[in-house]
Amino acid sequence: RGSDFSEDVVLLMGGLADMEVKAEVGEHEVVAVH
């Protein structure tokens, strides 16, 4: 069901040649991260 107002996703792709970790850092420690 294609539409310009809502997206009907058929499949999801990703570039696995570039991987990353999405981590949660506490507010008292994130100030030291650069």
All heavy atoms as atom14 arrays in JSON, in Angstrom:
{
  "sequence": "RGSDFSEDVVLLMGGLADMEVKAEVGEHEVVAVH",
  "atom14_mask": [
    [1, 1, 1, 1, 1, 1, 1, 1, 1, 1, 1, 0, 0, 0],
    [1, 1, 1, 1, 0, 0, 0, 0, 0, 0, 0, 0, 0, 0],
    [1, 1, 1, 1, 1, 1, 0, 0, 0, 0, 0, 0, 0, 0],
    [1, 1, 1, 1, 1, 1, 1, 1, 0, 0, 0, 0, 0, 0],
    [1, 1, 1, 1, 1, 1, 1, 1, 1, 1, 1, 0, 0, 0],
    [1, 1, 1, 1, 1, 1, 0, 0, 0, 0, 0, 0, 0, 0],
    [1, 1, 1, 1, 1, 1, 1, 1, 1, 0, 0, 0, 0, 0],
    [1, 1, 1, 1, 1, 1, 1, 1, 0, 0, 0, 0, 0, 0],
    [1, 1, 1, 1, 1, 1, 1, 0, 0, 0, 0, 0, 0, 0],
    [1, 1, 1, 1, 1, 1, 1, 0, 0, 0, 0, 0, 0, 0],
    [1, 1, 1, 1, 1, 1, 1, 1, 0, 0, 0, 0, 0, 0],
    [1, 1, 1, 1, 1, 1, 1, 1, 0, 0, 0, 0, 0, 0],
    [1, 1, 1, 1, 1, 1, 1, 1, 0, 0, 0, 0, 0, 0],
    [1, 1, 1, 1, 0, 0, 0, 0, 0, 0, 0, 0, 0, 0],
    [1, 1, 1, 1, 0, 0, 0, 0, 0, 0, 0, 0, 0, 0],
    [1, 1, 1, 1, 1, 1, 1, 1, 0, 0, 0, 0, 0, 0],
    [1, 1, 1, 1, 1, 0, 0, 0, 0, 0, 0, 0, 0, 0],
    [1, 1, 1, 1, 1, 1, 1, 1, 0, 0, 0, 0, 0, 0],
    [1, 1, 1, 1, 1, 1, 1, 1, 0, 0, 0, 0, 0, 0],
    [1, 1, 1, 1, 1, 1, 1, 1, 1, 0, 0, 0, 0, 0],
    [1, 1, 1, 1, 1, 1, 1, 0, 0, 0, 0, 0, 0, 0],
    [1, 1, 1, 1, 1, 1, 1, 1, 1, 0, 0, 0, 0, 0],
    [1, 1, 1, 1, 1, 0, 0, 0, 0, 0, 0, 0, 0, 0],
    [1, 1, 1, 1, 1, 1, 1, 1, 1, 0, 0, 0, 0, 0],
    [1, 1, 1, 1, 1, 1, 1, 0, 0, 0, 0, 0, 0, 0],
    [1, 1, 1, 1, 0, 0, 0, 0, 0, 0, 0, 0, 0, 0],
    [1, 1, 1, 1, 1, 1, 1, 1, 1, 0, 0, 0, 0, 0],
    [1, 1, 1, 1, 1, 1, 1, 1, 1, 1, 0, 0, 0, 0],
    [1, 1, 1, 1, 1, 1, 1, 1, 1, 0, 0, 0, 0, 0],
    [1, 1, 1, 1, 1, 1, 1, 0, 0, 0, 0, 0, 0, 0],
    [1, 1, 1, 1, 1, 1, 1, 0, 0, 0, 0, 0, 0, 0],
    [1, 1, 1, 1, 1, 0, 0, 0, 0, 0, 0, 0, 0, 0],
    [1, 1, 1, 1, 1, 1, 1, 0, 0, 0, 0, 0, 0, 0],
    [1, 1, 1, 1, 1, 1, 1, 1, 1, 1, 0, 0, 0, 0]
  ],
  "atom14_positions": [
    [[0.85, -1.19, 0.0], [0.0, 0.0, 0.0], [0.89, 1.24, 0.0], [1.23, 1.8, 1.04], [-0.94, -0.01, 1.21], [-1.8, -1.27, 1.26], [-2.82, -1.23, 2.37], [-3.59, -2.47, 2.41], [-4.62, -2.74, 1.63], [-5.02, -1.85, 0.73], [-5.27, -3.89, 1.74], [0.0, 0.0, 0.0], [0.0, 0.0, 0.0], [0.0, 0.0, 0.0]],
    [[1.29, 1.62, -1.18], [2.16, 2.78, -1.32], [1.42, 4.08, -1.12], [0.24, 4.21, -1.48], [0.0, 0.0, 0.0], [0.0, 0.0, 0.0], [0.0, 0.0, 0.0], [0.0, 0.0, 0.0], [0.0, 0.0, 0.0], [0.0, 0.0, 0.0], [0.0, 0.0, 0.0], [0.0, 0.0, 0.0], [0.0, 0.0, 0.0], [0.0, 0.0, 0.0]],
    [[2.08, 5.04, -0.52], [1.49, 6.35, -0.26], [2.59, 7.37, -0.05], [3.67, 7.05, 0.42], [0.57, 6.28, 0.97], [0.13, 7.58, 1.34], [0.0, 0.0, 0.0], [0.0, 0.0, 0.0], [0.0, 0.0, 0.0], [0.0, 0.0, 0.0], [0.0, 0.0, 0.0], [0.0, 0.0, 0.0], [0.0, 0.0, 0.0], [0.0, 0.0, 0.0]],
    [[2.29, 8.62, -0.42], [3.22, 9.7, -0.16], [3.16, 10.16, 1.29], [3.99, 10.95, 1.73], [2.93, 10.89, -1.08], [3.27, 10.58, -2.53], [4.2, 9.78, -2.74], [2.61, 11.14, -3.43], [0.0, 0.0, 0.0], [0.0, 0.0, 0.0], [0.0, 0.0, 0.0], [0.0, 0.0, 0.0], [0.0, 0.0, 0.0], [0.0, 0.0, 0.0]],
    [[2.15, 9.69, 2.04], [1.95, 10.16, 3.41], [2.32, 9.11, 4.45], [2.53, 9.44, 5.61], [0.49, 10.58, 3.61], [0.04, 11.63, 2.63], [-0.72, 11.29, 1.52], [0.38, 12.96, 2.81], [-1.13, 12.25, 0.61], [-0.01, 13.93, 1.91], [-0.78, 13.57, 0.8], [0.0, 0.0, 0.0], [0.0, 0.0, 0.0], [0.0, 0.0, 0.0]],
    [[2.37, 7.85, 4.08], [2.77, 6.79, 5.01], [3.64, 5.79, 4.26], [3.42, 5.53, 3.07], [1.55, 6.1, 5.61], [0.78, 5.47, 4.6], [0.0, 0.0, 0.0], [0.0, 0.0, 0.0], [0.0, 0.0, 0.0], [0.0, 0.0, 0.0], [0.0, 0.0, 0.0], [0.0, 0.0, 0.0], [0.0, 0.0, 0.0], [0.0, 0.0, 0.0]],
    [[4.61, 5.22, 4.99], [5.59, 4.33, 4.37], [5.24, 2.88, 4.66], [5.05, 2.5, 5.82], [6.98, 4.67, 4.91], [8.11, 3.97, 4.19], [9.47, 4.41, 4.7], [9.53, 4.86, 5.87], [10.46, 4.32, 3.95], [0.0, 0.0, 0.0], [0.0, 0.0, 0.0], [0.0, 0.0, 0.0], [0.0, 0.0, 0.0], [0.0, 0.0, 0.0]],
    [[5.12, 2.09, 3.61], [4.89, 0.66, 3.74], [6.21, -0.05, 3.42], [6.52, -0.31, 2.25], [3.77, 0.2, 2.8], [3.32, -1.23, 3.09], [3.81, -1.82, 4.07], [2.5, -1.76, 2.33], [0.0, 0.0, 0.0], [0.0, 0.0, 0.0], [0.0, 0.0, 0.0], [0.0, 0.0, 0.0], [0.0, 0.0, 0.0], [0.0, 0.0, 0.0]],
    [[7.0, -0.34, 4.44], [8.35, -0.87, 4.25], [8.28, -2.31, 3.78], [7.59, -3.15, 4.37], [9.16, -0.78, 5.56], [10.55, -1.36, 5.37], [9.24, 0.67, 6.02], [0.0, 0.0, 0.0], [0.0, 0.0, 0.0], [0.0, 0.0, 0.0], [0.0, 0.0, 0.0], [0.0, 0.0, 0.0], [0.0, 0.0, 0.0], [0.0, 0.0, 0.0]],
    [[9.02, -2.6, 2.7], [9.09, -3.95, 2.17], [10.24, -4.71, 2.81], [10.1, -5.87, 3.2], [9.23, -3.93, 0.63], [9.33, -5.35, 0.07], [8.05, -3.19, 0.01], [0.0, 0.0, 0.0], [0.0, 0.0, 0.0], [0.0, 0.0, 0.0], [0.0, 0.0, 0.0], [0.0, 0.0, 0.0], [0.0, 0.0, 0.0], [0.0, 0.0, 0.0]],
    [[11.39, -4.08, 2.94], [12.54, -4.73, 3.56], [13.48, -3.68, 4.14], [13.41, -2.5, 3.78], [13.28, -5.64, 2.57], [13.79, -5.03, 1.26], [15.2, -4.47, 1.44], [13.79, -6.07, 0.15], [0.0, 0.0, 0.0], [0.0, 0.0, 0.0], [0.0, 0.0, 0.0], [0.0, 0.0, 0.0], [0.0, 0.0, 0.0], [0.0, 0.0, 0.0]],
    [[14.35, -4.13, 5.05], [15.32, -3.26, 5.72], [16.72, -3.71, 5.33], [17.04, -4.9, 5.38], [15.14, -3.33, 7.23], [16.1, -2.5, 8.08], [15.84, -1.01, 7.86], [15.95, -2.83, 9.56], [0.0, 0.0, 0.0], [0.0, 0.0, 0.0], [0.0, 0.0, 0.0], [0.0, 0.0, 0.0], [0.0, 0.0, 0.0], [0.0, 0.0, 0.0]],
    [[17.53, -2.73, 4.93], [18.91, -3.01, 4.53], [19.88, -2.29, 5.46], [19.54, -1.26, 6.05], [19.17, -2.54, 3.1], [18.57, -3.4, 2.02], [19.12, -2.78, 0.42], [20.9, -2.92, 0.6], [0.0, 0.0, 0.0], [0.0, 0.0, 0.0], [0.0, 0.0, 0.0], [0.0, 0.0, 0.0], [0.0, 0.0, 0.0], [0.0, 0.0, 0.0]],
    [[21.07, -2.84, 5.59], [22.11, -2.19, 6.4], [23.49, -2.51, 5.85], [23.71, -3.58, 5.29], [0.0, 0.0, 0.0], [0.0, 0.0, 0.0], [0.0, 0.0, 0.0], [0.0, 0.0, 0.0], [0.0, 0.0, 0.0], [0.0, 0.0, 0.0], [0.0, 0.0, 0.0], [0.0, 0.0, 0.0], [0.0, 0.0, 0.0], [0.0, 0.0, 0.0]],
    [[24.4, -1.56, 6.03], [25.78, -1.78, 5.61], [26.58, -2.4, 6.73], [27.04, -1.69, 7.64], [0.0, 0.0, 0.0], [0.0, 0.0, 0.0], [0.0, 0.0, 0.0], [0.0, 0.0, 0.0], [0.0, 0.0, 0.0], [0.0, 0.0, 0.0], [0.0, 0.0, 0.0], [0.0, 0.0, 0.0], [0.0, 0.0, 0.0], [0.0, 0.0, 0.0]],
    [[26.74, -3.71, 6.71], [27.45, -4.4, 7.79], [28.96, -4.23, 7.7], [29.7, -4.67, 8.58], [27.1, -5.89, 7.78], [25.62, -6.21, 8.02], [25.42, -7.71, 8.18], [25.08, -5.48, 9.23], [0.0, 0.0, 0.0], [0.0, 0.0, 0.0], [0.0, 0.0, 0.0], [0.0, 0.0, 0.0], [0.0, 0.0, 0.0], [0.0, 0.0, 0.0]],
    [[29.45, -3.59, 6.63], [30.88, -3.31, 6.55], [31.27, -2.22, 7.55], [32.43, -2.12, 7.93], [31.25, -2.88, 5.13], [0.0, 0.0, 0.0], [0.0, 0.0, 0.0], [0.0, 0.0, 0.0], [0.0, 0.0, 0.0], [0.0, 0.0, 0.0], [0.0, 0.0, 0.0], [0.0, 0.0, 0.0], [0.0, 0.0, 0.0], [0.0, 0.0, 0.0]],
    [[30.3, -1.42, 7.99], [30.52, -0.39, 9.0], [29.56, -0.64, 10.15], [28.37, -0.34, 10.06], [30.28, 1.02, 8.42], [31.3, 1.38, 7.37], [32.47, 1.06, 7.57], [30.92, 1.98, 6.34], [0.0, 0.0, 0.0], [0.0, 0.0, 0.0], [0.0, 0.0, 0.0], [0.0, 0.0, 0.0], [0.0, 0.0, 0.0], [0.0, 0.0, 0.0]],
    [[30.1, -1.23, 11.24], [29.28, -1.56, 12.4], [29.62, -0.62, 13.55], [30.72, -0.07, 13.64], [29.53, -3.0, 12.83], [29.15, -4.04, 11.79], [27.36, -4.24, 11.65], [27.02, -5.13, 13.17], [0.0, 0.0, 0.0], [0.0, 0.0, 0.0], [0.0, 0.0, 0.0], [0.0, 0.0, 0.0], [0.0, 0.0, 0.0], [0.0, 0.0, 0.0]],
    [[28.66, -0.43, 14.44], [28.87, 0.41, 15.6], [28.06, -0.14, 16.77], [27.13, -0.94, 16.58], [28.47, 1.85, 15.32], [26.99, 2.05, 15.05], [26.63, 3.5, 14.73], [27.54, 4.26, 14.36], [25.44, 3.86, 14.84], [0.0, 0.0, 0.0], [0.0, 0.0, 0.0], [0.0, 0.0, 0.0], [0.0, 0.0, 0.0], [0.0, 0.0, 0.0]],
    [[28.43, 0.3, 17.96], [27.71, -0.05, 19.17], [26.99, 1.2, 19.67], [27.6, 2.26, 19.82], [28.65, -0.58, 20.26], [27.87, -0.9, 21.53], [29.38, -1.82, 19.78], [0.0, 0.0, 0.0], [0.0, 0.0, 0.0], [0.0, 0.0, 0.0], [0.0, 0.0, 0.0], [0.0, 0.0, 0.0], [0.0, 0.0, 0.0], [0.0, 0.0, 0.0]],
    [[25.71, 1.07, 19.92], [24.93, 2.15, 20.5], [24.77, 1.85, 21.98], [24.03, 0.94, 22.37], [23.57, 2.27, 19.81], [22.76, 3.49, 20.22], [21.47, 3.57, 19.43], [20.67, 4.82, 19.79], [19.4, 4.88, 19.03], [0.0, 0.0, 0.0], [0.0, 0.0, 0.0], [0.0, 0.0, 0.0], [0.0, 0.0, 0.0], [0.0, 0.0, 0.0]],
    [[25.5, 2.58, 22.82], [25.55, 2.3, 24.26], [24.94, 3.45, 25.04], [24.93, 4.6, 24.6], [26.99, 2.07, 24.7], [0.0, 0.0, 0.0], [0.0, 0.0, 0.0], [0.0, 0.0, 0.0], [0.0, 0.0, 0.0], [0.0, 0.0, 0.0], [0.0, 0.0, 0.0], [0.0, 0.0, 0.0], [0.0, 0.0, 0.0], [0.0, 0.0, 0.0]],
    [[24.43, 3.11, 26.23], [23.87, 4.12, 27.14], [24.89, 4.44, 28.23], [25.34, 3.55, 28.95], [22.57, 3.62, 27.76], [21.39, 3.59, 26.81], [20.09, 3.29, 27.52], [19.55, 4.19, 28.19], [19.62, 2.15, 27.42], [0.0, 0.0, 0.0], [0.0, 0.0, 0.0], [0.0, 0.0, 0.0], [0.0, 0.0, 0.0], [0.0, 0.0, 0.0]],
    [[25.24, 5.72, 28.35], [26.22, 6.17, 29.33], [25.53, 7.08, 30.33], [24.72, 7.95, 29.95], [27.39, 6.9, 28.64], [28.38, 7.4, 29.68], [28.08, 5.97, 27.66], [0.0, 0.0, 0.0], [0.0, 0.0, 0.0], [0.0, 0.0, 0.0], [0.0, 0.0, 0.0], [0.0, 0.0, 0.0], [0.0, 0.0, 0.0], [0.0, 0.0, 0.0]],
    [[25.83, 6.9, 31.61], [25.21, 7.71, 32.65], [25.56, 9.18, 32.54], [26.6, 9.56, 32.0], [0.0, 0.0, 0.0], [0.0, 0.0, 0.0], [0.0, 0.0, 0.0], [0.0, 0.0, 0.0], [0.0, 0.0, 0.0], [0.0, 0.0, 0.0], [0.0, 0.0, 0.0], [0.0, 0.0, 0.0], [0.0, 0.0, 0.0], [0.0, 0.0, 0.0]],
    [[24.69, 10.02, 33.08], [24.85, 11.47, 32.95], [26.12, 11.98, 33.63], [26.69, 12.99, 33.2], [23.63, 12.18, 33.53], [23.39, 11.9, 35.01], [22.17, 12.63, 35.53], [21.94, 13.78, 35.11], [21.44, 12.07, 36.39], [0.0, 0.0, 0.0], [0.0, 0.0, 0.0], [0.0, 0.0, 0.0], [0.0, 0.0, 0.0], [0.0, 0.0, 0.0]],
    [[26.6, 11.31, 34.68], [27.79, 11.78, 35.37], [29.06, 11.38, 34.64], [30.14, 11.92, 34.93], [27.82, 11.21, 36.79], [26.66, 11.65, 37.64], [26.48, 12.96, 38.02], [25.61, 10.97, 38.16], [25.38, 13.08, 38.75], [24.83, 11.87, 38.84], [0.0, 0.0, 0.0], [0.0, 0.0, 0.0], [0.0, 0.0, 0.0], [0.0, 0.0, 0.0]],
    [[28.98, 10.44, 33.72], [30.16, 9.97, 33.0], [30.22, 10.49, 31.57], [31.29, 10.6, 30.99], [30.19, 8.44, 32.99], [30.34, 7.84, 34.38], [30.38, 6.33, 34.34], [29.5, 5.73, 33.69], [31.29, 5.74, 34.95], [0.0, 0.0, 0.0], [0.0, 0.0, 0.0], [0.0, 0.0, 0.0], [0.0, 0.0, 0.0], [0.0, 0.0, 0.0]],
    [[29.05, 10.81, 30.97], [29.04, 11.22, 29.56], [29.77, 12.54, 29.35], [30.27, 12.82, 28.26], [27.59, 11.3, 29.05], [26.88, 12.54, 29.59], [27.55, 11.29, 27.52], [0.0, 0.0, 0.0], [0.0, 0.0, 0.0], [0.0, 0.0, 0.0], [0.0, 0.0, 0.0], [0.0, 0.0, 0.0], [0.0, 0.0, 0.0], [0.0, 0.0, 0.0]],
    [[29.86, 13.36, 30.4], [30.55, 14.65, 30.26], [32.04, 14.46, 29.98], [32.7, 15.38, 29.48], [30.35, 15.51, 31.53], [28.9, 15.92, 31.68], [30.81, 14.75, 32.78], [0.0, 0.0, 0.0], [0.0, 0.0, 0.0], [0.0, 0.0, 0.0], [0.0, 0.0, 0.0], [0.0, 0.0, 0.0], [0.0, 0.0, 0.0], [0.0, 0.0, 0.0]],
    [[32.58, 13.29, 30.29], [34.0, 13.04, 30.07], [34.27, 12.38, 28.71], [35.42, 12.2, 28.34], [34.56, 12.15, 31.18], [0.0, 0.0, 0.0], [0.0, 0.0, 0.0], [0.0, 0.0, 0.0], [0.0, 0.0, 0.0], [0.0, 0.0, 0.0], [0.0, 0.0, 0.0], [0.0, 0.0, 0.0], [0.0, 0.0, 0.0], [0.0, 0.0, 0.0]],
    [[33.21, 12.03, 27.98], [33.37, 11.33, 26.71], [33.46, 12.36, 25.58], [32.67, 13.31, 25.52], [32.19, 10.37, 26.47], [32.34, 9.68, 25.12], [32.12, 9.34, 27.58], [0.0, 0.0, 0.0], [0.0, 0.0, 0.0], [0.0, 0.0, 0.0], [0.0, 0.0, 0.0], [0.0, 0.0, 0.0], [0.0, 0.0, 0.0], [0.0, 0.0, 0.0]],
    [[34.42, 12.15, 24.66], [34.62, 13.06, 23.55], [34.69, 12.29, 22.24], [35.02, 11.09, 22.22], [35.92, 13.87, 23.73], [36.01, 14.58, 25.03], [36.59, 14.0, 26.15], [35.59, 15.81, 25.42], [36.53, 14.84, 27.15], [35.93, 15.95, 26.74], [0.0, 0.0, 0.0], [0.0, 0.0, 0.0], [0.0, 0.0, 0.0], [0.0, 0.0, 0.0]]
  ]
}
